[in-house]
C-alpha atoms as a PDB file:
ATOM      1  CA  ILE A   1     -31.668  21.475  43.562  1.00  0.00           C
ATOM      2  CA  GLY A   2     -34.991  21.854  41.816  1.00  0.00           C
ATOM      3  CA  GLY A   3     -35.171  18.183  40.954  1.00  0.00           C
ATOM      4  CA  LYS A   4     -34.411  18.524  37.271  1.00  0.00           C
ATOM      5  CA  GLY A   5     -32.002  16.197  35.459  1.00  0.00           C
ATOM      6  CA  PRO A   6     -29.413  17.111  32.828  1.00  0.00           C
ATOM      7  CA  MET A   7     -31.754  16.257  29.930  1.00  0.00           C
ATOM      8  CA  GLN A   8     -34.563  18.246  31.493  1.00  0.00           C
ATOM      9  CA  ILE A   9     -32.351  21.318  32.067  1.00  0.00           C
ATOM     10  CA  ALA A  10     -30.965  21.175  28.526  1.00  0.00           C
ATOM     11  CA  LYS A  11     -34.536  20.994  27.239  1.00  0.00           C
ATOM     12  CA  ILE A  12     -35.527  24.076  29.250  1.00  0.00           C
ATOM     13  CA  LEU A  13     -32.481  26.061  28.025  1.00  0.00           C
ATOM     14  CA  LYS A  14     -33.228  25.188  24.478  1.00  0.00           C
ATOM     15  CA  GLU A  15     -36.922  26.233  24.884  1.00  0.00           C
ATOM     16  CA  ASP A  16     -35.941  29.439  26.535  1.00  0.00           C
ATOM     17  CA  LYS A  17     -33.456  30.158  23.700  1.00  0.00           C
ATOM     18  CA  VAL A  18     -30.387  30.468  25.947  1.00  0.00           C
ATOM     19  CA  LEU A  19     -27.232  30.548  23.803  1.00  0.00           C
ATOM     20  CA  THR A  20     -24.774  27.706  24.232  1.00  0.00           C
ATOM     21  CA  ALA A  21     -21.282  28.430  25.617  1.00  0.00           C
ATOM     22  CA  LYS A  22     -19.873  28.180  22.039  1.00  0.00           C
ATOM     23  CA  ALA A  23     -22.662  30.416  20.623  1.00  0.00           C
ATOM     24  CA  HIS A  24     -22.124  32.937  23.334  1.00  0.00           C
ATOM     25  CA  TYR A  25     -18.419  33.010  22.603  1.00  0.00           C
ATOM     26  CA  ALA A  26     -19.014  33.461  18.913  1.00  0.00           C
ATOM     27  CA  LYS A  27     -21.428  36.236  19.468  1.00  0.00           C
ATOM     28  CA  LYS A  28     -18.991  37.995  21.874  1.00  0.00           C
ATOM     29  CA  LYS A  29     -16.073  37.735  19.391  1.00  0.00           C
ATOM     30  CA  ALA A  30     -18.213  38.583  16.426  1.00  0.00           C
ATOM     31  CA  LYS A  31     -17.480  35.253  14.816  1.00  0.00           C
ATOM     32  CA  PRO A  32     -19.777  33.374  12.468  1.00  0.00           C
ATOM     33  CA  PHE A  33     -22.905  32.252  14.318  1.00  0.00           C
ATOM     34  CA  LEU A  34     -23.515  28.527  14.850  1.00  0.00           C
ATOM     35  CA  GLU A  35     -26.245  26.748  12.981  1.00  0.00           C
ATOM     36  CA  ASN A  36     -27.977  25.622  16.310  1.00  0.00           C
ATOM     37  CA  PRO A  37     -27.056  28.257  18.848  1.00  0.00           C
ATOM     38  CA  TYR A  38     -29.540  26.803  21.372  1.00  0.00           C
ATOM     39  CA  ASP A  39     -28.650  23.096  20.972  1.00  0.00           C
ATOM     40  CA  TRP A  40     -27.740  22.251  24.589  1.00  0.00           C
ATOM     41  CA  ARG A  41     -26.513  18.682  25.286  1.00  0.00           C
ATOM     42  CA  ASP A  42     -27.090  16.844  28.425  1.00  0.00           C
ATOM     43  CA  SER A  43     -23.336  16.105  28.531  1.00  0.00           C
ATOM     44  CA  THR A  44     -22.613  19.798  28.680  1.00  0.00           C
ATOM     45  CA  ILE A  45     -25.022  20.207  31.576  1.00  0.00           C
ATOM     46  CA  VAL A  46     -23.337  17.375  33.391  1.00  0.00           C
ATOM     47  CA  GLY A  47     -19.996  19.123  32.951  1.00  0.00           C
ATOM     48  CA  ILE A  48     -21.317  22.286  34.421  1.00  0.00           C
ATOM     49  CA  LEU A  49     -22.960  20.534  37.434  1.00  0.00           C
ATOM     50  CA  GLU A  50     -19.757  18.687  38.307  1.00  0.00           C
ATOM     51  CA  ARG A  51     -17.373  21.675  37.828  1.00  0.00           C
ATOM     52  CA  MET A  52     -15.972  22.717  41.148  1.00  0.00           C
ATOM     53  CA  ASP A  53     -14.399  25.842  39.582  1.00  0.00           C
ATOM     54  CA  TYR A  54     -17.832  27.720  39.976  1.00  0.00           C
ATOM     55  CA  CYS A  55     -17.352  27.380  43.875  1.00  0.00           C
ATOM     56  CA  GLY A  56     -14.341  29.669  43.651  1.00  0.00           C
ATOM     57  CA  HIS A  57     -11.731  26.759  43.514  1.00  0.00           C
ATOM     58  CA  THR A  58      -9.166  25.964  40.941  1.00  0.00           C
ATOM     59  CA  VAL A  59      -8.834  22.244  39.752  1.00  0.00           C
ATOM     60  CA  ASN A  60      -5.538  21.311  38.109  1.00  0.00           C
ATOM     61  CA  PHE A  61      -4.337  18.162  36.378  1.00  0.00           C
ATOM     62  CA  LYS A  62      -7.762  17.260  34.921  1.00  0.00           C
ATOM     63  CA  SER A  63      -6.251  15.363  32.022  1.00  0.00           C
ATOM     64  CA  TYR A  64      -2.955  14.137  30.669  1.00  0.00           C
ATOM     65  CA  SER A  65      -1.379  12.938  27.518  1.00  0.00           C
ATOM     66  CA  LYS A  66       0.475   9.520  27.080  1.00  0.00           C
ATOM     67  CA  SER A  67       3.081  11.217  24.983  1.00  0.00           C
ATOM     68  CA  HIS A  68       3.987  14.715  23.898  1.00  0.00           C
ATOM     69  CA  LYS A  69       3.541  13.461  20.316  1.00  0.00           C
ATOM     70  CA  LEU A  70      -0.185  12.692  20.974  1.00  0.00           C
ATOM     71  CA  LYS A  71      -2.825  15.503  21.073  1.00  0.00           C
ATOM     72  CA  LYS A  72      -5.454  13.298  22.700  1.00  0.00           C
ATOM     73  CA  ARG A  73      -5.961  14.114  26.435  1.00  0.00           C
ATOM     74  CA  ILE A  74      -7.096  11.405  28.894  1.00  0.00           C
ATOM     75  CA  PRO A  75      -9.201  12.552  31.852  1.00  0.00           C
ATOM     76  CA  THR A  76      -7.596  11.851  35.378  1.00  0.00           C
ATOM     77  CA  THR A  77      -9.345  10.492  38.406  1.00  0.00           C
ATOM     78  CA  LYS A  78     -10.373  12.871  41.173  1.00  0.00           C
ATOM     79  CA  GLU A  79      -7.530  11.469  43.308  1.00  0.00           C
ATOM     80  CA  GLN A  80      -4.997  12.520  40.645  1.00  0.00           C
ATOM     81  CA  GLN A  81      -6.289  16.076  40.451  1.00  0.00           C
ATOM     82  CA  ALA A  82      -5.007  19.039  42.651  1.00  0.00           C
ATOM     83  CA  ILE A  83      -7.573  21.399  44.185  1.00  0.00           C
ATOM     84  CA  PHE A  84      -6.651  24.946  45.279  1.00  0.00           C
ATOM     85  CA  PHE A  85      -9.375  26.446  47.318  1.00  0.00           C
ATOM     86  CA  ASN A  86     -10.765  30.070  47.283  1.00  0.00           C
ATOM     87  CA  THR A  87      -8.617  31.218  44.320  1.00  0.00           C
ATOM     88  CA  HIS A  88     -11.337  33.435  42.786  1.00  0.00           C
ATOM     89  CA  GLU A  89     -14.916  34.675  43.430  1.00  0.00           C
ATOM     90  CA  ALA A  90     -17.494  31.973  43.752  1.00  0.00           C
ATOM     91  CA  ILE A  91     -20.766  31.976  41.916  1.00  0.00           C
ATOM     92  CA  VAL A  92     -22.058  28.760  43.560  1.00  0.00           C
ATOM     93  CA  GLU A  93     -21.937  28.002  47.297  1.00  0.00           C
ATOM     94  CA  ASP A  94     -19.975  24.862  48.411  1.00  0.00           C
ATOM     95  CA  ALA A  95     -23.062  23.596  50.228  1.00  0.00           C
ATOM     96  CA  VAL A  96     -25.272  23.856  47.068  1.00  0.00           C
ATOM     97  CA  PHE A  97     -22.627  22.182  44.973  1.00  0.00           C
ATOM     98  CA  GLU A  98     -22.181  19.312  47.405  1.00  0.00           C
ATOM     99  CA  ARG A  99     -25.983  18.863  47.591  1.00  0.00           C
ATOM    100  CA  VAL A 100     -26.189  18.727  43.839  1.00  0.00           C
ATOM    101  CA  GLN A 101     -23.607  15.962  43.776  1.00  0.00           C
ATOM    102  CA  GLU A 102     -25.553  14.014  46.316  1.00  0.00           C
ATOM    103  CA  LEU A 103     -28.754  14.361  44.289  1.00  0.00           C
ATOM    104  CA  ARG A 104     -27.008  13.320  41.112  1.00  0.00           C
ATOM    105  CA  ALA A 105     -25.754  10.129  42.836  1.00  0.00           C
ATOM    106  CA  ASN A 106     -29.437   9.376  43.538  1.00  0.00           C
ATOM    107  CA  LYS A 107     -30.672   9.496  40.000  1.00  0.00           C
ATOM    108  CA  ARG A 108     -34.483   9.831  39.408  1.00  0.00           C
ATOM    109  CA  ARG A 109     -36.020   8.199  36.391  1.00  0.00           C
ATOM    110  CA  PRO A 110     -39.483   9.326  35.232  1.00  0.00           C
ATOM    111  CA  THR A 111     -42.235   6.683  35.462  1.00  0.00           C
ATOM    112  CA  LYS A 112     -44.378   5.461  32.495  1.00  0.00           C
ATOM    113  CA  ALA A 113     -47.061   7.751  33.755  1.00  0.00           C
ATOM    114  CA  ASP A 114     -44.730  10.686  33.285  1.00  0.00           C
ATOM    115  CA  ARG A 115     -44.850  11.523  36.943  1.00  0.00           C
ATOM    116  CA  GLN A 116     -41.882  11.744  39.288  1.00  0.00           C
ATOM    117  CA  GLY A 117     -41.957  11.279  43.004  1.00  0.00           C
ATOM    118  CA  LEU A 118     -41.307  14.372  45.043  1.00  0.00           C
ATOM    119  CA  PHE A 119     -39.072  12.336  47.486  1.00  0.00           C
ATOM    120  CA  SER A 120     -37.652   9.835  44.965  1.00  0.00           C
ATOM    121  CA  GLY A 121     -34.003   8.985  45.902  1.00  0.00           C
ATOM    122  CA  LEU A 122     -34.503  10.305  49.490  1.00  0.00           C
ATOM    123  CA  VAL A 123     -36.658   7.628  51.129  1.00  0.00           C
ATOM    124  CA  TYR A 124     -35.098   4.617  52.695  1.00  0.00           C
ATOM    125  CA  CYS A 125     -36.227   1.420  54.483  1.00  0.00           C
ATOM    126  CA  ALA A 126     -35.555   1.394  58.162  1.00  0.00           C
ATOM    127  CA  ASP A 127     -35.076  -2.385  58.257  1.00  0.00           C
ATOM    128  CA  CYS A 128     -32.979  -3.379  55.143  1.00  0.00           C
ATOM    129  CA  GLY A 129     -31.657   0.091  54.224  1.00  0.00           C
ATOM    130  CA  SER A 130     -32.782  -0.160  50.630  1.00  0.00           C
ATOM    131  CA  LYS A 131     -34.505   2.765  48.890  1.00  0.00           C
ATOM    132  CA  LEU A 132     -38.252   3.082  48.736  1.00  0.00           C
ATOM    133  CA  HIS A 133     -39.171   3.231  45.014  1.00  0.00           C
ATOM    134  CA  PHE A 134     -41.883   5.539  43.797  1.00  0.00           C
ATOM    135  CA  ALA A 135     -44.863   3.631  42.389  1.00  0.00           C
ATOM    136  CA  THR A 136     -47.529   5.039  40.135  1.00  0.00           C
ATOM    137  CA  CYS A 137     -49.433   4.303  36.855  1.00  0.00           C
ATOM    138  CA  LYS A 138     -51.655   6.099  34.446  1.00  0.00           C
ATOM    139  CA  SER A 139     -54.793   4.758  36.083  1.00  0.00           C
ATOM    140  CA  PHE A 140     -53.738   6.258  39.453  1.00  0.00           C
ATOM    141  CA  ASN A 141     -54.852   9.590  40.628  1.00  0.00           C
ATOM    142  CA  GLY A 142     -52.283  11.563  42.667  1.00  0.00           C
ATOM    143  CA  SER A 143     -53.657  10.225  45.932  1.00  0.00           C
ATOM    144  CA  GLN A 144     -52.633   6.708  45.074  1.00  0.00           C
ATOM    145  CA  ASP A 145     -48.976   7.327  44.324  1.00  0.00           C
ATOM    146  CA  HIS A 146     -46.859   5.633  46.922  1.00  0.00           C
ATOM    147  CA  TYR A 147     -43.385   4.415  47.947  1.00  0.00           C
ATOM    148  CA  ARG A 148     -42.452   0.783  48.741  1.00  0.00           C
ATOM    149  CA  CYS A 149     -39.223  -0.982  49.694  1.00  0.00           C
ATOM    150  CA  ALA A 150     -37.009  -2.001  46.651  1.00  0.00           C
ATOM    151  CA  LYS A 151     -36.318  -5.437  48.158  1.00  0.00           C
ATOM    152  CA  TYR A 152     -39.964  -6.172  48.587  1.00  0.00           C
ATOM    153  CA  LYS A 153     -40.654  -4.877  44.968  1.00  0.00           C
ATOM    154  CA  SER A 154     -38.062  -7.316  43.719  1.00  0.00           C
ATOM    155  CA  ASN A 155     -40.021 -10.279  45.175  1.00  0.00           C
ATOM    156  CA  THR A 156     -36.987 -11.691  47.120  1.00  0.00           C
ATOM    157  CA  GLY A 157     -39.031 -12.002  50.227  1.00  0.00           C
ATOM    158  CA  SER A 158     -36.189 -10.443  52.230  1.00  0.00           C
ATOM    159  CA  CYS A 159     -38.225  -7.371  53.378  1.00  0.00           C
ATOM    160  CA  THR A 160     -41.760  -6.031  53.795  1.00  0.00           C
ATOM    161  CA  ALA A 161     -43.304  -3.358  51.732  1.00  0.00           C
ATOM    162  CA  HIS A 162     -43.068  -0.391  54.131  1.00  0.00           C
ATOM    163  CA  PHE A 163     -45.776   1.102  52.064  1.00  0.00           C
ATOM    164  CA  ILE A 164     -46.415   4.794  52.436  1.00  0.00           C
ATOM    165  CA  ARG A 165     -48.562   7.091  50.249  1.00  0.00           C
ATOM    166  CA  GLU A 166     -46.794  10.169  48.877  1.00  0.00           C
ATOM    167  CA  GLU A 167     -49.660  12.499  50.019  1.00  0.00           C
ATOM    168  CA  VAL A 168     -49.200  11.243  53.629  1.00  0.00           C
ATOM    169  CA  LEU A 169     -45.569  11.636  53.395  1.00  0.00           C
ATOM    170  CA  LYS A 170     -45.974  15.226  52.104  1.00  0.00           C
ATOM    171  CA  GLN A 171     -48.120  15.992  55.161  1.00  0.00           C
ATOM    172  CA  ILE A 172     -45.445  14.522  57.538  1.00  0.00           C
ATOM    173  CA  VAL A 173     -42.502  16.423  55.893  1.00  0.00           C
ATOM    174  CA  TRP A 174     -44.338  19.692  55.515  1.00  0.00           C
ATOM    175  CA  SER A 175     -45.469  19.510  59.272  1.00  0.00           C
ATOM    176  CA  ARG A 176     -41.947  18.704  60.345  1.00  0.00           C
ATOM    177  CA  ILE A 177     -40.495  21.611  58.429  1.00  0.00           C
ATOM    178  CA  PHE A 178     -43.065  23.958  59.710  1.00  0.00           C
ATOM    179  CA  ASP A 179     -42.392  22.888  63.354  1.00  0.00           C
ATOM    180  CA  VAL A 180     -38.692  23.365  62.994  1.00  0.00           C
ATOM    181  CA  THR A 181     -38.995  26.842  61.400  1.00  0.00           C
ATOM    182  CA  ALA A 182     -41.531  27.813  64.146  1.00  0.00           C
ATOM    183  CA  LEU A 183     -39.072  26.875  66.866  1.00  0.00           C
ATOM    184  CA  PHE A 184     -36.249  28.560  65.071  1.00  0.00           C
ATOM    185  CA  PHE A 185     -38.113  31.923  64.847  1.00  0.00           C
ATOM    186  CA  ASP A 186     -39.584  31.609  68.466  1.00  0.00           C
ATOM    187  CA  ASP A 187     -36.171  31.281  70.146  1.00  0.00           C
ATOM    188  CA  ILE A 188     -33.063  31.114  67.877  1.00  0.00           C
ATOM    189  CA  MET A 189     -30.681  30.817  70.700  1.00  0.00           C
ATOM    190  CA  ALA A 190     -32.508  27.876  72.258  1.00  0.00           C
ATOM    191  CA  PHE A 191     -32.722  26.222  68.810  1.00  0.00           C
ATOM    192  CA  HIS A 192     -28.970  26.760  68.266  1.00  0.00           C
ATOM    193  CA  GLU A 193     -28.123  25.250  71.739  1.00  0.00           C
ATOM    194  CA  MET A 194     -30.429  22.283  71.097  1.00  0.00           C
ATOM    195  CA  MET A 195     -28.790  21.638  67.701  1.00  0.00           C
ATOM    196  CA  TYR A 196     -25.337  21.829  69.211  1.00  0.00           C
ATOM    197  CA  GLN A 197     -26.036  19.463  72.004  1.00  0.00           C
ATOM    198  CA  GLN A 198     -27.841  16.987  69.892  1.00  0.00           C
ATOM    199  CA  ARG A 199     -25.216  16.878  67.114  1.00  0.00           C
ATOM    200  CA  SER A 200     -22.483  16.792  69.711  1.00  0.00           C
ATOM    201  CA  ALA A 201     -23.993  13.755  71.411  1.00  0.00           C
ATOM    202  CA  GLU A 202     -25.112  11.725  68.358  1.00  0.00           C
ATOM    203  CA  THR A 203     -22.523  12.692  65.657  1.00  0.00           C
ATOM    204  CA  GLU A 204     -19.522  12.664  67.960  1.00  0.00           C
ATOM    205  CA  LYS A 205     -20.350   9.083  68.907  1.00  0.00           C
ATOM    206  CA  GLU A 206     -20.726   8.163  65.265  1.00  0.00           C
ATOM    207  CA  MET A 207     -17.449   9.824  64.375  1.00  0.00           C
ATOM    208  CA  LYS A 208     -15.584   8.118  67.105  1.00  0.00           C
ATOM    209  CA  ARG A 209     -16.909   4.719  65.918  1.00  0.00           C
ATOM    210  CA  ARG A 210     -15.690   5.547  62.363  1.00  0.00           C
ATOM    211  CA  LYS A 211     -12.245   6.669  63.609  1.00  0.00           C
ATOM    212  CA  ARG A 212     -11.961   3.382  65.386  1.00  0.00           C
ATOM    213  CA  GLU A 213     -12.986   1.390  62.368  1.00  0.00           C
ATOM    214  CA  VAL A 214     -10.551   3.289  60.138  1.00  0.00           C
ATOM    215  CA  GLY A 215      -7.757   2.447  62.534  1.00  0.00           C
ATOM    216  CA  GLN A 216      -8.676  -1.210  62.577  1.00  0.00           C
ATOM    217  CA  ALA A 217      -9.020  -1.297  58.804  1.00  0.00           C
ATOM    218  CA  ARG A 218      -5.520   0.284  58.288  1.00  0.00           C
ATOM    219  CA  LYS A 219      -4.010  -2.338  60.655  1.00  0.00           C
ATOM    220  CA  ARG A 220      -5.653  -5.083  58.678  1.00  0.00           C
ATOM    221  CA  ILE A 221      -4.380  -3.558  55.391  1.00  0.00           C
ATOM    222  CA  ALA A 222      -0.880  -3.494  56.670  1.00  0.00           C
ATOM    223  CA  GLU A 223      -1.300  -7.130  57.921  1.00  0.00           C
ATOM    224  CA  LEU A 224      -2.462  -8.177  54.515  1.00  0.00           C
ATOM    225  CA  ASP A 225       0.615  -6.707  52.900  1.00  0.00           C
ATOM    226  CA  ARG A 226       2.700  -8.854  55.333  1.00  0.00           C
ATOM    227  CA  ILE A 227       0.591 -11.941  54.509  1.00  0.00           C
ATOM    228  CA  PHE A 228       0.940 -11.469  50.803  1.00  0.00           C
ATOM    229  CA  LYS A 229       4.736 -11.190  51.181  1.00  0.00           C
ATOM    230  CA  ARG A 230       4.844 -14.343  53.057  1.00  0.00           C
ATOM    231  CA  ILE A 231       2.674 -16.407  50.589  1.00  0.00           C
ATOM    232  CA  TYR A 232       4.760 -14.934  47.710  1.00  0.00           C
ATOM    233  CA  GLU A 233       7.845 -16.321  49.407  1.00  0.00           C
ATOM    234  CA  ASP A 234       6.081 -19.618  49.930  1.00  0.00           C
ATOM    235  CA  ASP A 235       5.167 -19.745  46.322  1.00  0.00           C
ATOM    236  CA  ILE A 236       8.779 -19.058  45.247  1.00  0.00           C
ATOM    237  CA  SER A 237      10.211 -21.691  47.597  1.00  0.00           C
ATOM    238  CA  GLY A 238       7.553 -24.265  46.610  1.00  0.00           C
ATOM    239  CA  ALA A 239       5.971 -24.434  50.096  1.00  0.00           C
ATOM    240  CA  ILE A 240       2.560 -23.920  48.496  1.00  0.00           C
ATOM    241  CA  SER A 241       1.413 -24.623  44.911  1.00  0.00           C
ATOM    242  CA  HIS A 242       1.212 -21.719  42.483  1.00  0.00           C
ATOM    243  CA  ASP A 243      -2.560 -22.329  42.056  1.00  0.00           C
ATOM    244  CA  ARG A 244      -2.992 -22.019  45.766  1.00  0.00           C
ATOM    245  CA  PHE A 245      -0.915 -18.910  45.674  1.00  0.00           C
ATOM    246  CA  LEU A 246      -3.089 -17.354  42.988  1.00  0.00           C
ATOM    247  CA  LYS A 247      -6.303 -18.194  44.825  1.00  0.00           C
ATOM    248  CA  LEU A 248      -5.102 -16.697  48.181  1.00  0.00           C
ATOM    249  CA  SER A 249      -3.593 -13.637  46.629  1.00  0.00           C
ATOM    250  CA  ALA A 250      -6.872 -12.822  44.737  1.00  0.00           C
ATOM    251  CA  GLU A 251      -8.843 -13.266  48.042  1.00  0.00           C
ATOM    252  CA  TYR A 252      -6.384 -11.038  50.063  1.00  0.00           C
ATOM    253  CA  GLU A 253      -6.309  -8.447  47.216  1.00  0.00           C
ATOM    254  CA  ALA A 254     -10.029  -8.348  47.085  1.00  0.00           C
ATOM    255  CA  GLU A 255     -10.291  -7.832  50.837  1.00  0.00           C
ATOM    256  CA  GLN A 256      -7.645  -5.133  50.787  1.00  0.00           C
ATOM    257  CA  ARG A 257      -9.403  -3.214  48.050  1.00  0.00           C
ATOM    258  CA  GLU A 258     -12.673  -3.311  49.993  1.00  0.00           C
ATOM    259  CA  LEU A 259     -10.971  -2.097  53.145  1.00  0.00           C
ATOM    260  CA  GLU A 260      -9.120   0.631  51.293  1.00  0.00           C
ATOM    261  CA  GLU A 261     -12.426   1.923  49.811  1.00  0.00           C
ATOM    262  CA  LYS A 262     -14.145   1.860  53.300  1.00  0.00           C
ATOM    263  CA  VAL A 263     -11.111   3.772  54.927  1.00  0.00           C
ATOM    264  CA  LYS A 264     -11.406   6.354  52.151  1.00  0.00           C
ATOM    265  CA  ALA A 265     -15.192   6.875  52.677  1.00  0.00           C
ATOM    266  CA  ASP A 266     -15.157   6.919  56.477  1.00  0.00           C
ATOM    267  CA  GLN A 267     -12.065   9.207  56.633  1.00  0.00           C
ATOM    268  CA  GLN A 268     -13.808  11.653  54.300  1.00  0.00           C
ATOM    269  CA  GLU A 269     -16.799  11.588  56.596  1.00  0.00           C
ATOM    270  CA  VAL A 270     -14.577  12.221  59.665  1.00  0.00           C
ATOM    271  CA  ASP A 271     -12.663  15.019  57.867  1.00  0.00           C
ATOM    272  CA  THR A 272     -15.872  16.733  56.826  1.00  0.00           C
ATOM    273  CA  TYR A 273     -17.213  16.588  60.327  1.00  0.00           C
ATOM    274  CA  GLU A 274     -14.165  18.078  61.914  1.00  0.00           C
ATOM    275  CA  GLN A 275     -13.610  20.777  59.277  1.00  0.00           C
ATOM    276  CA  ASN A 276     -17.160  21.933  58.817  1.00  0.00           C
ATOM    277  CA  LYS A 277     -18.027  24.626  61.382  1.00  0.00           C
ATOM    278  CA  SER A 278     -20.855  26.458  59.598  1.00  0.00           C
ATOM    279  CA  ASP A 279     -23.635  23.736  59.676  1.00  0.00           C
ATOM    280  CA  PHE A 280     -26.033  25.742  61.801  1.00  0.00           C
ATOM    281  CA  ASP A 281     -25.542  28.936  59.757  1.00  0.00           C
ATOM    282  CA  SER A 282     -26.147  27.003  56.510  1.00  0.00           C
ATOM    283  CA  PHE A 283     -29.328  25.463  57.977  1.00  0.00           C
ATOM    284  CA  ALA A 284     -30.466  28.838  59.333  1.00  0.00           C
ATOM    285  CA  ALA A 285     -30.028  30.383  55.818  1.00  0.00           C
ATOM    286  CA  ILE A 286     -32.294  27.713  54.316  1.00  0.00           C
ATOM    287  CA  ILE A 287     -35.040  28.392  57.043  1.00  0.00           C
ATOM    288  CA  ARG A 288     -34.871  32.114  56.381  1.00  0.00           C
ATOM    289  CA  LYS A 289     -35.028  31.478  52.574  1.00  0.00           C
ATOM    290  CA  TYR A 290     -38.340  29.588  52.821  1.00  0.00           C
ATOM    291  CA  VAL A 291     -40.303  31.580  55.360  1.00  0.00           C
ATOM    292  CA  GLY A 292     -44.162  30.762  55.213  1.00  0.00           C
ATOM    293  CA  ILE A 293     -43.971  28.022  52.695  1.00  0.00           C
ATOM    294  CA  LYS A 294     -47.537  26.888  51.635  1.00  0.00           C
ATOM    295  CA  GLU A 295     -46.508  23.683  49.789  1.00  0.00           C
ATOM    296  CA  LEU A 296     -43.582  21.515  49.130  1.00  0.00           C
ATOM    297  CA  THR A 297     -41.533  21.809  45.946  1.00  0.00           C
ATOM    298  CA  PRO A 298     -38.506  19.777  44.716  1.00  0.00           C
ATOM    299  CA  ALA A 299     -36.207  22.652  45.543  1.00  0.00           C
ATOM    300  CA  ILE A 300     -37.532  22.992  49.049  1.00  0.00           C
ATOM    301  CA  VAL A 301     -37.425  19.200  49.741  1.00  0.00           C
ATOM    302  CA  ASN A 302     -33.853  18.914  48.351  1.00  0.00           C
ATOM    303  CA  GLU A 303     -32.550  21.872  50.364  1.00  0.00           C
ATOM    304  CA  PHE A 304     -34.131  20.829  53.660  1.00  0.00           C
ATOM    305  CA  ILE A 305     -34.121  16.980  53.609  1.00  0.00           C
ATOM    306  CA  LYS A 306     -31.155  14.646  53.326  1.00  0.00           C
ATOM    307  CA  LYS A 307     -32.957  11.404  54.019  1.00  0.00           C
ATOM    308  CA  ILE A 308     -36.342  10.079  54.946  1.00  0.00           C
ATOM    309  CA  ILE A 309     -36.405   6.751  56.816  1.00  0.00           C
ATOM    310  CA  VAL A 310     -39.616   4.695  56.781  1.00  0.00           C
ATOM    311  CA  HIS A 311     -40.372   2.086  59.424  1.00  0.00           C
ATOM    312  CA  ALA A 312     -42.665  -0.885  59.062  1.00  0.00           C
ATOM    313  CA  PRO A 313     -46.248  -0.112  60.120  1.00  0.00           C
ATOM    314  CA  GLU A 314     -47.623  -1.305  63.415  1.00  0.00           C
ATOM    315  CA  LYS A 315     -51.171  -1.781  64.860  1.00  0.00           C
ATOM    316  CA  VAL A 316     -51.800   0.384  67.936  1.00  0.00           C
ATOM    317  CA  ASP A 317     -55.267   0.310  69.288  1.00  0.00           C
ATOM    318  CA  ARG A 318     -56.439  -1.056  65.916  1.00  0.00           C
ATOM    319  CA  LYS A 319     -55.033   1.829  63.992  1.00  0.00           C
ATOM    320  CA  ARG A 320     -52.090   1.766  61.629  1.00  0.00           C
ATOM    321  CA  VAL A 321     -49.248   3.643  62.920  1.00  0.00           C
ATOM    322  CA  GLN A 322     -45.994   4.204  61.176  1.00  0.00           C
ATOM    323  CA  LYS A 323     -42.766   5.788  62.309  1.00  0.00           C
ATOM    324  CA  VAL A 324     -40.992   8.132  59.938  1.00  0.00           C
ATOM    325  CA  ASP A 325     -37.558   9.693  60.670  1.00  0.00           C
ATOM    326  CA  ILE A 326     -36.604  12.911  58.912  1.00  0.00           C
ATOM    327  CA  VAL A 327     -32.870  13.573  58.513  1.00  0.00           C
ATOM    328  CA  PHE A 328     -32.318  17.277  57.715  1.00  0.00           C
ATOM    329  CA  ASN A 329     -29.278  18.597  55.659  1.00  0.00           C
ATOM    330  CA  PHE A 330     -26.455  19.943  57.910  1.00  0.00           C
ATOM    331  CA  VAL A 331     -28.177  19.238  61.271  1.00  0.00           C
ATOM    332  CA  GLY A 332     -29.310  15.569  60.992  1.00  0.00           C
ATOM    333  CA  GLU A 333     -32.312  14.232  62.704  1.00  0.00           C
ATOM    334  CA  ILE A 334     -34.173  16.620  65.197  1.00  0.00           C
ATOM    335  CA  ASN A 335     -35.483  14.414  67.982  1.00  0.00           C
ATOM    336  CA  PHE A 336     -37.579  16.990  69.780  1.00  0.00           C
ATOM    337  CA  LEU A 337     -40.510  16.304  67.316  1.00  0.00           C
ATOM    338  CA  SER A 338     -42.828  13.392  67.167  1.00  0.00           C
ATOM    339  CA  ALA A 339     -41.955  11.034  64.436  1.00  0.00           C
ATOM    340  CA  THR A 340     -45.097   8.961  64.320  1.00  0.00           C
ATOM    341  CA  GLN A 341     -47.575   8.805  61.489  1.00  0.00           C
ATOM    342  CA  PRO A 342     -51.096   8.397  63.062  1.00  0.00           C
ATOM    343  CA  LYS A 343     -53.080   8.540  59.846  1.00  0.00           C
ATOM    344  CA  ARG A 344     -54.600   5.417  58.229  1.00  0.00           C
ATOM    345  CA  GLN A 345     -53.563   4.853  54.672  1.00  0.00           C
ATOM    346  CA  GLY A 346     -55.841   3.471  52.132  1.00  0.00           C
ATOM    347  CA  ALA A 347     -54.882   1.780  48.803  1.00  0.00           C
END
């Protein structure tokens, strides 16, 4: 949540002289001490960050052996594992665990200037959907650090820069968080009602669309099974050449795999929406946690913000105006606030 990667966390633990799990066990059992008791590895940190057991759940069938004669264990896929929820006391909240997995999916790499963007991995282009990459160099001072569209950066000519300075984005995000928290504390019931109505209108529409697409995709998957059976019979009977059969079957199998992946992703979104009844409480807890913030930190940004969408700048009355949409964790975009950026940005 604090924006640190596995290698950075391992380095901090080593510098703070925190015992590794093996060293802690050896000390507890009065066994010979390890030569490097603080030698944390990034792979160990990854295992900790991805372990659902800390949320109070039990995960079984994590590995298997090809034979009872072999000692080597082979990791299973997540689909092959069995999860039993709420089997013991949790030390990590589900919402925190899920947010960490989202952040890990958007890996942040340090720049050559050894600076990392506060919003790296969270900023997206409104037109092409690509991420906006953080740009800096050693000759820049902090005010010149900025974000620009990945497709523009790759020189493909398929999108414009959508340039926005980090300092300006900090002001926008801080102002938006301040306005949200102010409304929350002014009238919590009105805030709750507004969130409920807004999410009901927007998200319900989106979930209906996804349910419809899931149904259509499943019908197409079943149809592809029937088509594959027919062309297989045609191949056996000689109605089509074997080369033609191989080409068609490869195309249909590729389409089917793509549809199955889409069904899985969309169904997961629908299930999450229908099952999660505590979004407002989770967001309220974050607001209460960060009362009176003076500046943004990686932890604050990652807990509040899910996505930032930057639109292309426009000229309005000779001034550069740029629309920025803020999508909050748990509650989505809050539309009662102005989403314009009136400040002119220099190079």
